[in-house]
C-alpha cells in the first residue's frame, strides 16, 4: 500500500503546485482572486466496517477554493476603470448569458455601451427622459450622446436686502427704467425661453413709504419711450408691492410671484413659445439699515448642450456633464452578490457564473445591503501575495520530495524481499 500513499501524495503536490503557479501567473491580473487547493484523506471500507487501527491509503484533492478577499485599489487615468471596494461583482451580459466579474476595466464601444475587454456589456439601471433612475430589471448600460434639449425657466429666485434708510421723495416720481433717480436699487439675471435663447430679466425697486416698496421688471431692457416696462407683468400687474415688518422681514407677498413675459412683443423673430411664464421667489429678502445688495440669484432654465464628459460616483450613478453647464444622470451600475461566492464557477477572462452551490444572485445598487462602494478611475488589483505563494511553493516542493522518498523506500523494501 506504500506505493498508493506516495502516488497520491505526488498527485496532490502536483495539483498544489498547479494552483500556486496559476496564482503567481495572475499576480498582475486585475480583479483576479487567488485559489487554495484543499485536501482530504482516503480510507478503505469493508463489509465488516472500520476498525480503530485502520490505516489510510493516501489523500485526494477535495476542492480548489477561491479566496474572495479584497485586493488593493490602484488609481488609473481612465474614468471608466471602476474598482469595487467591498462585496459584490459586476454583472455582465453576453447576448443574454449573464456572468460576474471583479475586473472593472471598461470602455465604450461604437454603439455607446459600456463594455469590458471581451465586449461583454456592463448592466445597470436605465433612466427616463428627465434622468430619474428606473430601478426595475437591469439592462445594458449605454452612454447617450444625444444633445440635452433646452429647458425654459420655470422658477427664478433671488434674495436681496433693500436699504431701509432710503428717503421717500415727495412727490413720488413715476418709475422710469431708463432713469436711475426714479428707483433705489436694481439687479438682473438670465432667463431662458423654450428654444434656449437667453434673456435678461431686470428687477427695479422703488420705495414708496416706510416698510413699503414697489417692484418693476423689464426683459432685455424693453420699455416704452417713457421708460415703462413692455411685455412683462408681475402678479398680473405692471408692478408688485412689497411690504416688510419692523424687523426687516418680508411679509408680502407670502408666495412666489407669477411672472409672464410676452416674448412675441419683445422679439417676435425668435419664434419661442410665448408667453414665458415662471415664478419669482423673493424668500429670504430683507429690509435692513445697510446698503442694497444681492446675496442669492438662481433659476432653473438652460440652453441646449452636448455631452462633454461623464463621471461615476461611489453609488454607481453615471453622470453626464454637458457643454451648457448642466449634468444629467445617464444610468446606475448594479452589483450582484451571492450567499456563497466560493460556489461560483470560474470560466476564464475574469468571469464567474452562478451555480446551485453559489445561490441565486442578489442584485442591487452599490452601497445598499451587502454591496460594496465603487471607486472610479481605479482598478482592484489581484489579491495574490507573492511572498506567501513562494513560501507555499517551497513547502509543496518539499512535500513532493517527501512523497517521492516514500516510494523510493517502498521500492528498497521490495528489492530486499526479492533478494532473499
Protein backbone atom coordinates (compact mmCIF):
# COMPACT_ATOMS: atom_id res chain seq x y z
CA UNK A 1 0.00 0.00 0.00
CA UNK A 2 3.02 2.28 0.40
CA UNK A 3 3.10 2.99 -3.32
CA UNK A 4 -0.53 4.19 -3.13
CA UNK A 5 0.34 6.63 -0.34
CA UNK A 6 3.28 8.04 -2.22
CA UNK A 7 1.48 8.27 -5.56
CA UNK A 8 -1.48 10.12 -4.03
CA UNK A 9 0.93 12.45 -2.26
CA UNK A 10 2.77 13.16 -5.51
CA UNK A 11 -0.54 13.82 -7.24
CA UNK A 12 -1.64 16.23 -4.53
CA UNK A 13 1.69 18.05 -4.52
CA UNK A 14 1.50 18.37 -8.29
CA UNK A 15 -2.04 19.80 -8.10
CA UNK A 16 -1.00 22.18 -5.35
CA UNK A 17 1.91 23.41 -7.47
CA UNK A 18 -0.52 23.92 -10.36
CA UNK A 19 -2.73 26.10 -8.15
CA UNK A 20 0.23 28.05 -6.80
CA UNK A 21 1.62 28.51 -10.31
CA UNK A 22 -1.72 29.82 -11.52
CA UNK A 23 -1.82 32.28 -8.62
CA UNK A 24 1.68 33.52 -9.38
CA UNK A 25 0.93 33.81 -13.10
CA UNK A 26 -2.07 36.04 -12.31
CA UNK A 27 -0.37 38.22 -9.71
CA UNK A 28 -0.84 41.23 -12.02
CA UNK A 29 -4.29 40.30 -13.38
CA UNK A 30 -6.87 42.94 -12.44
CA UNK A 31 -9.67 41.52 -10.31
CA UNK A 32 -8.07 38.05 -10.03
CA UNK A 33 -8.86 36.04 -6.89
CA UNK A 34 -6.28 33.56 -5.67
CA UNK A 35 -7.18 29.91 -5.03
CA UNK A 36 -6.10 27.35 -2.45
CA UNK A 37 -6.02 23.60 -3.00
CA UNK A 38 -7.81 21.78 -0.19
CA UNK A 39 -7.13 18.10 0.53
CA UNK A 40 -8.73 15.22 2.41
CA UNK A 41 -7.55 11.77 3.46
CA UNK A 42 -8.72 8.44 1.99
CA UNK A 43 -9.78 5.33 3.90
CA UNK A 44 -10.90 1.95 2.56
CA UNK A 45 -14.20 0.42 3.57
CA UNK A 46 -15.12 -3.18 4.18
CA UNK A 47 -18.34 -5.09 4.82
CA UNK A 48 -17.31 -5.60 8.43
CA UNK A 49 -16.88 -1.88 8.97
CA UNK A 50 -13.86 0.12 10.03
CA UNK A 51 -11.62 -0.79 12.92
CA UNK A 52 -9.85 1.58 15.25
CA UNK A 53 -6.44 0.66 13.86
CA UNK A 54 -7.27 1.21 10.19
CA UNK A 55 -4.57 2.98 8.18
CA UNK A 56 -5.47 5.38 5.41
CA UNK A 57 -4.41 4.85 1.83
CA UNK A 58 -3.41 8.41 0.95
CA UNK A 59 -5.04 11.75 0.17
CA UNK A 60 -7.08 13.41 -2.54
CA UNK A 61 -7.98 16.91 -3.75
CA UNK A 62 -11.32 17.79 -2.16
CA UNK A 63 -11.66 21.33 -3.52
CA UNK A 64 -9.86 24.23 -5.17
CA UNK A 65 -11.33 27.13 -3.21
CA UNK A 66 -11.06 30.69 -4.44
CA UNK A 67 -10.41 33.36 -1.86
CA UNK A 68 -12.58 36.45 -2.42
CA UNK A 69 -10.64 38.76 -0.14
CA UNK A 70 -10.28 42.43 -1.13
CA UNK A 71 -7.46 43.30 -3.49
CA UNK A 72 -5.61 46.62 -3.32
CA UNK A 73 -7.27 49.55 -5.14
CA UNK A 74 -4.96 51.33 -7.56
CA UNK A 75 -5.58 54.66 -9.32
CA UNK A 76 -5.67 54.94 -13.12
CA UNK A 77 -6.28 57.71 -15.66
CA UNK A 78 -9.38 56.14 -17.21
CA UNK A 79 -12.70 57.36 -15.73
CA UNK A 80 -14.29 54.08 -16.87
CA UNK A 81 -11.91 51.99 -14.76
CA UNK A 82 -14.01 51.05 -11.73
CA UNK A 83 -12.98 49.23 -8.56
CA UNK A 84 -15.35 47.59 -6.09
CA UNK A 85 -14.38 48.32 -2.50
CA UNK A 86 -16.24 45.65 -0.55
CA UNK A 87 -18.57 42.85 -1.57
CA UNK A 88 -20.18 42.30 -4.95
CA UNK A 89 -19.47 41.59 -8.59
CA UNK A 90 -20.07 43.49 -11.81
CA UNK A 91 -22.97 41.95 -13.70
CA UNK A 92 -22.00 41.33 -17.33
CA UNK A 93 -24.23 40.42 -20.28
CA UNK A 94 -23.05 38.41 -23.29
CA UNK A 95 -26.10 38.29 -25.58
CA UNK A 96 -28.29 37.13 -22.71
CA UNK A 97 -25.70 34.96 -20.95
CA UNK A 98 -25.03 36.57 -17.56
CA UNK A 99 -21.65 36.33 -15.87
CA UNK A 100 -19.96 38.13 -12.99
CA UNK A 101 -16.59 39.80 -12.63
CA UNK A 102 -14.41 41.87 -10.30
CA UNK A 103 -12.39 43.28 -13.22
CA UNK A 104 -13.57 46.86 -13.71
CA UNK A 105 -11.57 47.76 -16.81
CA UNK A 106 -14.28 49.17 -19.08
CA UNK A 107 -14.58 51.30 -22.19
CA UNK A 108 -17.35 52.48 -24.53
CA UNK A 109 -17.97 50.62 -27.76
CA UNK A 110 -19.06 52.18 -31.07
CA UNK A 111 -22.73 51.91 -30.03
CA UNK A 112 -22.24 53.71 -26.71
CA UNK A 113 -22.45 50.62 -24.47
CA UNK A 114 -20.08 50.22 -21.52
CA UNK A 115 -18.16 47.00 -22.21
CA UNK A 116 -15.11 45.12 -20.94
CA UNK A 117 -12.15 43.93 -22.99
CA UNK A 118 -14.15 40.90 -24.17
CA UNK A 119 -17.05 43.12 -25.33
CA UNK A 120 -19.35 41.90 -22.57
CA UNK A 121 -21.81 44.65 -21.66
CA UNK A 122 -21.99 46.10 -18.15
CA UNK A 123 -25.54 46.08 -16.78
CA UNK A 124 -27.37 48.56 -14.57
CA UNK A 125 -30.50 50.65 -14.22
CA UNK A 126 -31.56 52.93 -17.05
CA UNK A 127 -33.15 56.40 -16.73
CA UNK A 128 -36.18 58.18 -18.08
CA UNK A 129 -36.08 61.36 -20.20
CA UNK A 130 -35.54 63.55 -17.12
CA UNK A 131 -32.74 61.47 -15.62
CA UNK A 132 -34.76 59.57 -12.99
CA UNK A 133 -33.50 56.04 -12.27
CA UNK A 134 -35.77 53.21 -13.41
CA UNK A 135 -34.89 50.62 -10.77
CA UNK A 136 -36.53 47.64 -12.43
CA UNK A 137 -34.74 44.86 -14.27
CA UNK A 138 -31.09 45.67 -15.01
CA UNK A 139 -30.30 46.36 -18.64
CA UNK A 140 -27.17 47.06 -20.68
CA UNK A 141 -25.79 50.47 -19.70
CA UNK A 142 -25.44 52.88 -22.60
CA UNK A 143 -23.97 56.38 -22.63
CA UNK A 144 -26.30 58.56 -24.67
CA UNK A 145 -24.56 61.18 -26.80
CA UNK A 146 -27.82 62.94 -27.65
CA UNK A 147 -27.88 66.69 -27.08
CA UNK A 148 -29.66 67.96 -23.98
CA UNK A 149 -32.80 69.83 -25.07
CA UNK A 150 -33.29 73.38 -23.78
CA UNK A 151 -35.38 73.89 -20.68
CA UNK A 152 -37.36 77.15 -20.31
CA UNK A 153 -37.15 78.95 -17.00
CA UNK A 154 -39.96 77.98 -14.64
CA UNK A 155 -38.54 79.34 -11.40
CA UNK A 156 -36.40 82.39 -10.63
CA UNK A 157 -35.19 83.00 -7.07
CA UNK A 158 -33.38 85.92 -5.53
CA UNK A 159 -32.56 87.02 -2.03
CA UNK A 160 -31.65 90.66 -1.51
CA UNK A 161 -31.57 93.48 1.00
CA UNK A 162 -33.35 96.81 0.46
CA UNK A 163 -31.86 99.75 2.34
CA UNK A 164 -34.38 100.88 4.99
CA UNK A 165 -32.56 104.23 5.31
CA UNK A 166 -33.67 105.37 1.86
CA UNK A 167 -35.79 108.54 2.00
CA UNK A 168 -39.10 108.68 0.13
CA UNK A 169 -39.20 111.78 -2.15
CA UNK A 170 -42.26 114.00 -2.30
CA UNK A 171 -43.87 113.82 -4.72
CA UNK A 172 -43.00 110.21 -5.61
CA UNK A 173 -41.67 110.21 -9.20
CA UNK A 174 -43.16 107.97 -11.86
CA UNK A 175 -40.99 104.90 -12.44
CA UNK A 176 -38.70 105.15 -15.47
CA UNK A 177 -36.39 102.18 -16.11
CA UNK A 178 -34.02 104.47 -18.00
CA UNK A 179 -33.79 107.00 -15.15
CA UNK A 180 -31.87 105.71 -12.06
CA UNK A 181 -33.23 108.58 -9.96
CA UNK A 182 -36.71 107.02 -10.04
CA UNK A 183 -35.74 103.82 -8.24
CA UNK A 184 -33.50 102.83 -5.31
CA UNK A 185 -31.94 99.54 -6.40
CA UNK A 186 -31.78 97.13 -9.32
CA UNK A 187 -30.49 93.65 -10.08
CA UNK A 188 -30.67 91.34 -13.09
CA UNK A 189 -30.29 87.71 -14.10
CA UNK A 190 -30.56 85.42 -17.12
CA UNK A 191 -33.71 83.51 -18.07
CA UNK A 192 -34.26 81.04 -20.92
CA UNK A 193 -37.13 80.58 -23.37
CA UNK A 194 -38.38 77.33 -24.93
CA UNK A 195 -35.67 77.41 -27.63
CA UNK A 196 -32.85 78.00 -25.19
CA UNK A 197 -32.44 81.69 -26.08
CA UNK A 198 -31.19 83.82 -23.22
CA UNK A 199 -32.97 86.93 -21.98
CA UNK A 200 -32.04 89.40 -19.28
CA UNK A 201 -34.60 89.88 -16.52
CA UNK A 202 -34.02 93.15 -14.66
CA UNK A 203 -35.76 93.95 -11.35
CA UNK A 204 -36.17 97.50 -10.04
CA UNK A 205 -37.15 98.54 -6.52
CA UNK A 206 -38.75 101.88 -5.64
CA UNK A 207 -39.51 102.82 -2.04
CA UNK A 208 -42.92 104.50 -1.66
CA UNK A 209 -43.37 104.57 2.15
CA UNK A 210 -41.87 103.19 5.36
CA UNK A 211 -41.54 99.38 5.01
CA UNK A 212 -43.25 99.55 1.60
CA UNK A 213 -41.75 99.17 -1.87
CA UNK A 214 -42.85 98.68 -5.47
CA UNK A 215 -41.02 96.20 -7.72
CA UNK A 216 -40.91 96.60 -11.51
CA UNK A 217 -39.34 94.36 -14.17
CA UNK A 218 -38.06 94.52 -17.73
CA UNK A 219 -36.87 91.80 -20.10
CA UNK A 220 -33.99 92.62 -22.45
CA UNK A 221 -34.42 96.27 -21.42
CA UNK A 222 -37.60 96.67 -23.49
CA UNK A 223 -39.52 99.80 -22.41
CA UNK A 224 -41.84 102.41 -23.85
CA UNK A 225 -40.44 105.83 -24.79
CA UNK A 226 -41.25 106.96 -21.23
CA UNK A 227 -39.31 104.08 -19.62
CA UNK A 228 -42.35 101.95 -18.74
CA UNK A 229 -41.62 98.17 -19.00
CA UNK A 230 -43.10 96.46 -22.06
CA UNK A 231 -44.26 92.84 -22.28
CA UNK A 232 -43.80 91.91 -18.59
CA UNK A 233 -46.40 91.50 -15.84
CA UNK A 234 -45.77 90.80 -12.17
CA UNK A 235 -48.62 89.05 -10.41
CA UNK A 236 -50.89 90.11 -13.24
CA UNK A 237 -49.97 93.80 -12.98
CA UNK A 238 -47.36 96.28 -14.07
CA UNK A 239 -45.68 96.21 -10.64
CA UNK A 240 -45.64 94.20 -7.42
CA UNK A 241 -45.99 95.67 -3.92
CA UNK A 242 -43.50 94.51 -1.28
CA UNK A 243 -44.01 95.06 2.46
CA UNK A 244 -41.72 94.38 5.41
CA UNK A 245 -42.27 94.24 9.17
CA UNK A 246 -40.44 96.32 11.77
CA UNK A 247 -37.71 93.66 11.99
CA UNK A 248 -36.94 93.93 8.28
CA UNK A 249 -38.57 90.63 7.28
CA UNK A 250 -40.59 90.32 4.07
CA UNK A 251 -44.28 89.86 4.91
CA UNK A 252 -45.88 90.25 1.47
CA UNK A 253 -46.06 88.69 -0.97
CA UNK A 254 -46.06 85.47 1.06
CA UNK A 255 -45.91 83.25 -2.03
CA UNK A 256 -43.84 83.33 -5.25
CA UNK A 257 -44.92 85.96 -7.76
CA UNK A 258 -46.29 84.83 -11.12
CA UNK A 259 -44.28 86.48 -13.90
CA UNK A 260 -45.45 86.46 -17.50
CA UNK A 261 -43.20 87.59 -20.38
CA UNK A 262 -44.76 88.30 -23.78
CA UNK A 263 -41.85 87.23 -25.98
CA UNK A 264 -43.89 87.86 -29.13
CA UNK A 265 -43.90 91.54 -28.21
CA UNK A 266 -40.28 91.73 -27.04
CA UNK A 267 -38.72 89.87 -30.00
CA UNK A 268 -41.15 88.16 -32.41
CA UNK A 269 -38.28 86.94 -34.65
CA UNK A 270 -37.15 84.31 -32.12
CA UNK A 271 -40.18 82.03 -32.55
CA UNK A 272 -40.12 80.77 -28.94
CA UNK A 273 -43.24 79.84 -27.02
CA UNK A 274 -45.00 82.96 -25.78
CA UNK A 275 -45.77 83.90 -23.10
CA UNK A 276 -42.91 82.66 -20.98
CA UNK A 277 -44.39 82.09 -17.52
CA UNK A 278 -42.36 81.44 -14.38
CA UNK A 279 -42.44 82.01 -10.61
CA UNK A 280 -40.34 84.71 -8.96
CA UNK A 281 -39.40 83.79 -5.38
CA UNK A 282 -38.14 86.53 -3.04
CA UNK A 283 -37.88 84.30 0.04
CA UNK A 284 -35.13 85.49 2.34
CA UNK A 285 -35.22 89.09 1.14
CA UNK A 286 -34.87 91.71 3.87
CA UNK A 287 -35.07 95.43 4.58
CA UNK A 288 -32.23 96.35 6.92
CA UNK A 289 -30.31 99.55 7.53
CA UNK A 290 -27.47 98.55 5.20
CA UNK A 291 -26.75 99.19 1.57
CA UNK A 292 -28.71 97.48 -1.18
CA UNK A 293 -27.22 94.09 -2.02
CA UNK A 294 -28.00 90.73 -3.61
CA UNK A 295 -26.96 87.58 -1.75
CA UNK A 296 -28.65 84.88 -3.88
CA UNK A 297 -29.70 84.56 -7.51
CA UNK A 298 -30.72 81.37 -9.31
CA UNK A 299 -33.06 79.97 -11.95
CA UNK A 300 -33.77 76.53 -13.40
CA UNK A 301 -33.67 77.11 -17.18
CA UNK A 302 -30.85 76.23 -19.55
CA UNK A 303 -29.96 76.15 -23.23
CA UNK A 304 -29.25 73.03 -25.29
CA UNK A 305 -25.92 71.31 -24.75
CA UNK A 306 -23.78 68.42 -25.99
CA UNK A 307 -22.21 65.87 -23.69
CA UNK A 308 -18.68 66.88 -22.72
CA UNK A 309 -17.81 64.06 -20.34
CA UNK A 310 -19.13 61.90 -17.58
CA UNK A 311 -18.25 60.69 -14.10
CA UNK A 312 -19.18 57.70 -11.95
CA UNK A 313 -19.72 58.15 -8.21
CA UNK A 314 -19.50 55.69 -5.33
CA UNK A 315 -23.18 54.76 -5.62
CA UNK A 316 -22.75 53.75 -9.25
CA UNK A 317 -24.52 56.75 -10.80
CA UNK A 318 -23.19 57.60 -14.26
CA UNK A 319 -23.50 61.39 -14.50
CA UNK A 320 -23.14 63.15 -17.85
CA UNK A 321 -21.70 66.67 -17.98
CA UNK A 322 -22.88 68.93 -20.81
CA UNK A 323 -21.42 71.96 -22.54
CA UNK A 324 -24.23 74.17 -21.17
CA UNK A 325 -23.04 73.53 -17.60
CA UNK A 326 -25.81 71.07 -16.79
CA UNK A 327 -25.46 67.47 -15.63
CA UNK A 328 -27.81 64.55 -16.07
CA UNK A 329 -27.88 61.03 -14.63
CA UNK A 330 -27.44 58.58 -17.52
CA UNK A 331 -27.77 55.34 -15.56
CA UNK A 332 -26.66 53.44 -12.46
CA UNK A 333 -24.33 50.46 -12.26
CA UNK A 334 -25.68 47.48 -10.32
CA UNK A 335 -23.73 44.86 -8.39
CA UNK A 336 -24.50 41.23 -7.63
CA UNK A 337 -23.63 39.29 -4.51
CA UNK A 338 -24.01 35.65 -3.50
CA UNK A 339 -24.60 33.81 -0.25
CA UNK A 340 -21.66 31.51 -1.15
CA UNK A 341 -19.25 33.18 -3.61
CA UNK A 342 -16.94 30.15 -3.45
CA UNK A 343 -19.70 28.19 -5.16
CA UNK A 344 -19.27 30.27 -8.33
CA UNK A 345 -17.69 28.54 -11.33
CA UNK A 346 -14.72 30.36 -12.93
CA UNK A 347 -14.96 30.42 -16.73
CA UNK A 348 -11.84 32.44 -17.54
CA UNK A 349 -11.40 36.03 -18.68
CA UNK A 350 -12.00 37.15 -15.08
CA UNK A 351 -15.58 35.84 -15.20
CA UNK A 352 -17.64 33.59 -12.94
CA UNK A 353 -21.04 32.03 -13.46
CA UNK A 354 -23.79 31.28 -11.00
CA UNK A 355 -24.29 27.67 -9.77
CA UNK A 356 -26.70 25.96 -7.34
CA UNK A 357 -23.84 25.96 -4.80
CA UNK A 358 -23.41 29.75 -5.01
CA UNK A 359 -27.11 30.50 -4.65
CA UNK A 360 -29.02 32.98 -6.76
CA UNK A 361 -27.54 36.39 -7.48
CA UNK A 362 -28.66 39.20 -5.16
CA UNK A 363 -28.74 42.23 -7.45
CA UNK A 364 -28.80 45.81 -6.16
CA UNK A 365 -27.21 49.24 -6.28
CA UNK A 366 -23.79 49.86 -4.71
CA UNK A 367 -23.74 50.85 -1.05
CA UNK A 368 -27.06 49.07 -0.39
CA UNK A 369 -27.43 45.89 1.64
CA UNK A 370 -24.20 43.91 1.45
CA UNK A 371 -22.95 45.66 -1.70
CA UNK A 372 -19.64 47.48 -1.73
CA UNK A 373 -18.80 51.01 -2.88
CA UNK A 374 -17.49 51.88 -6.35
CA UNK A 375 -14.39 53.95 -6.99
CA UNK A 376 -13.91 55.32 -10.50
CA UNK A 377 -10.54 55.88 -12.19
CA UNK A 378 -9.34 52.89 -10.17
CA UNK A 379 -8.96 49.14 -10.51
CA UNK A 380 -8.81 46.34 -7.96
CA UNK A 381 -5.52 44.50 -8.28
CA UNK A 382 -5.06 40.77 -7.76
CA UNK A 383 -5.24 39.59 -4.14
CA UNK A 384 -2.27 37.23 -4.67
CA UNK A 385 0.50 37.68 -2.07
CA UNK A 386 3.65 36.68 -3.95
CA UNK A 387 5.68 36.20 -0.77
CA UNK A 388 3.15 33.75 0.63
CA UNK A 389 2.85 31.91 -2.68
CA UNK A 390 6.63 31.48 -2.98
CA UNK A 391 6.82 30.10 0.55
CA UNK A 392 3.94 27.73 -0.27
CA UNK A 393 5.80 26.67 -3.40
CA UNK A 394 8.89 25.74 -1.37
CA UNK A 395 6.74 23.83 1.14
CA UNK A 396 4.92 21.96 -1.62
CA UNK A 397 8.21 21.12 -3.28
CA UNK A 398 9.41 19.55 -0.03
CA UNK A 399 6.13 17.65 0.21
CA UNK A 400 6.69 16.31 -3.31
CA UNK A 401 10.20 15.21 -2.40
CA UNK A 402 8.99 13.52 0.79
CA UNK A 403 6.33 11.53 -1.08
CA UNK A 404 8.86 10.54 -3.71
CA UNK A 405 11.04 9.32 -0.85
CA UNK A 406 8.27 7.04 0.46
CA UNK A 407 8.06 5.41 -2.99
CA UNK A 408 11.83 5.05 -3.06
CA UNK A 409 11.78 3.47 0.42
CA UNK A 410 8.98 1.07 -0.51
CA UNK A 411 10.94 0.09 -3.61
CA UNK A 412 14.01 -0.63 -1.47
CA UNK A 413 11.95 -2.84 0.86
CA UNK A 414 10.54 -4.82 -2.07
CA UNK A 415 14.04 -5.17 -3.51
CA UNK A 416 15.23 -6.63 -0.21
CA UNK A 417 12.38 -9.16 -0.25
CA UNK A 418 13.23 -10.16 -3.83
CA UNK A 419 16.86 -10.68 -2.89
CA UNK A 420 16.09 -13.10 0.00
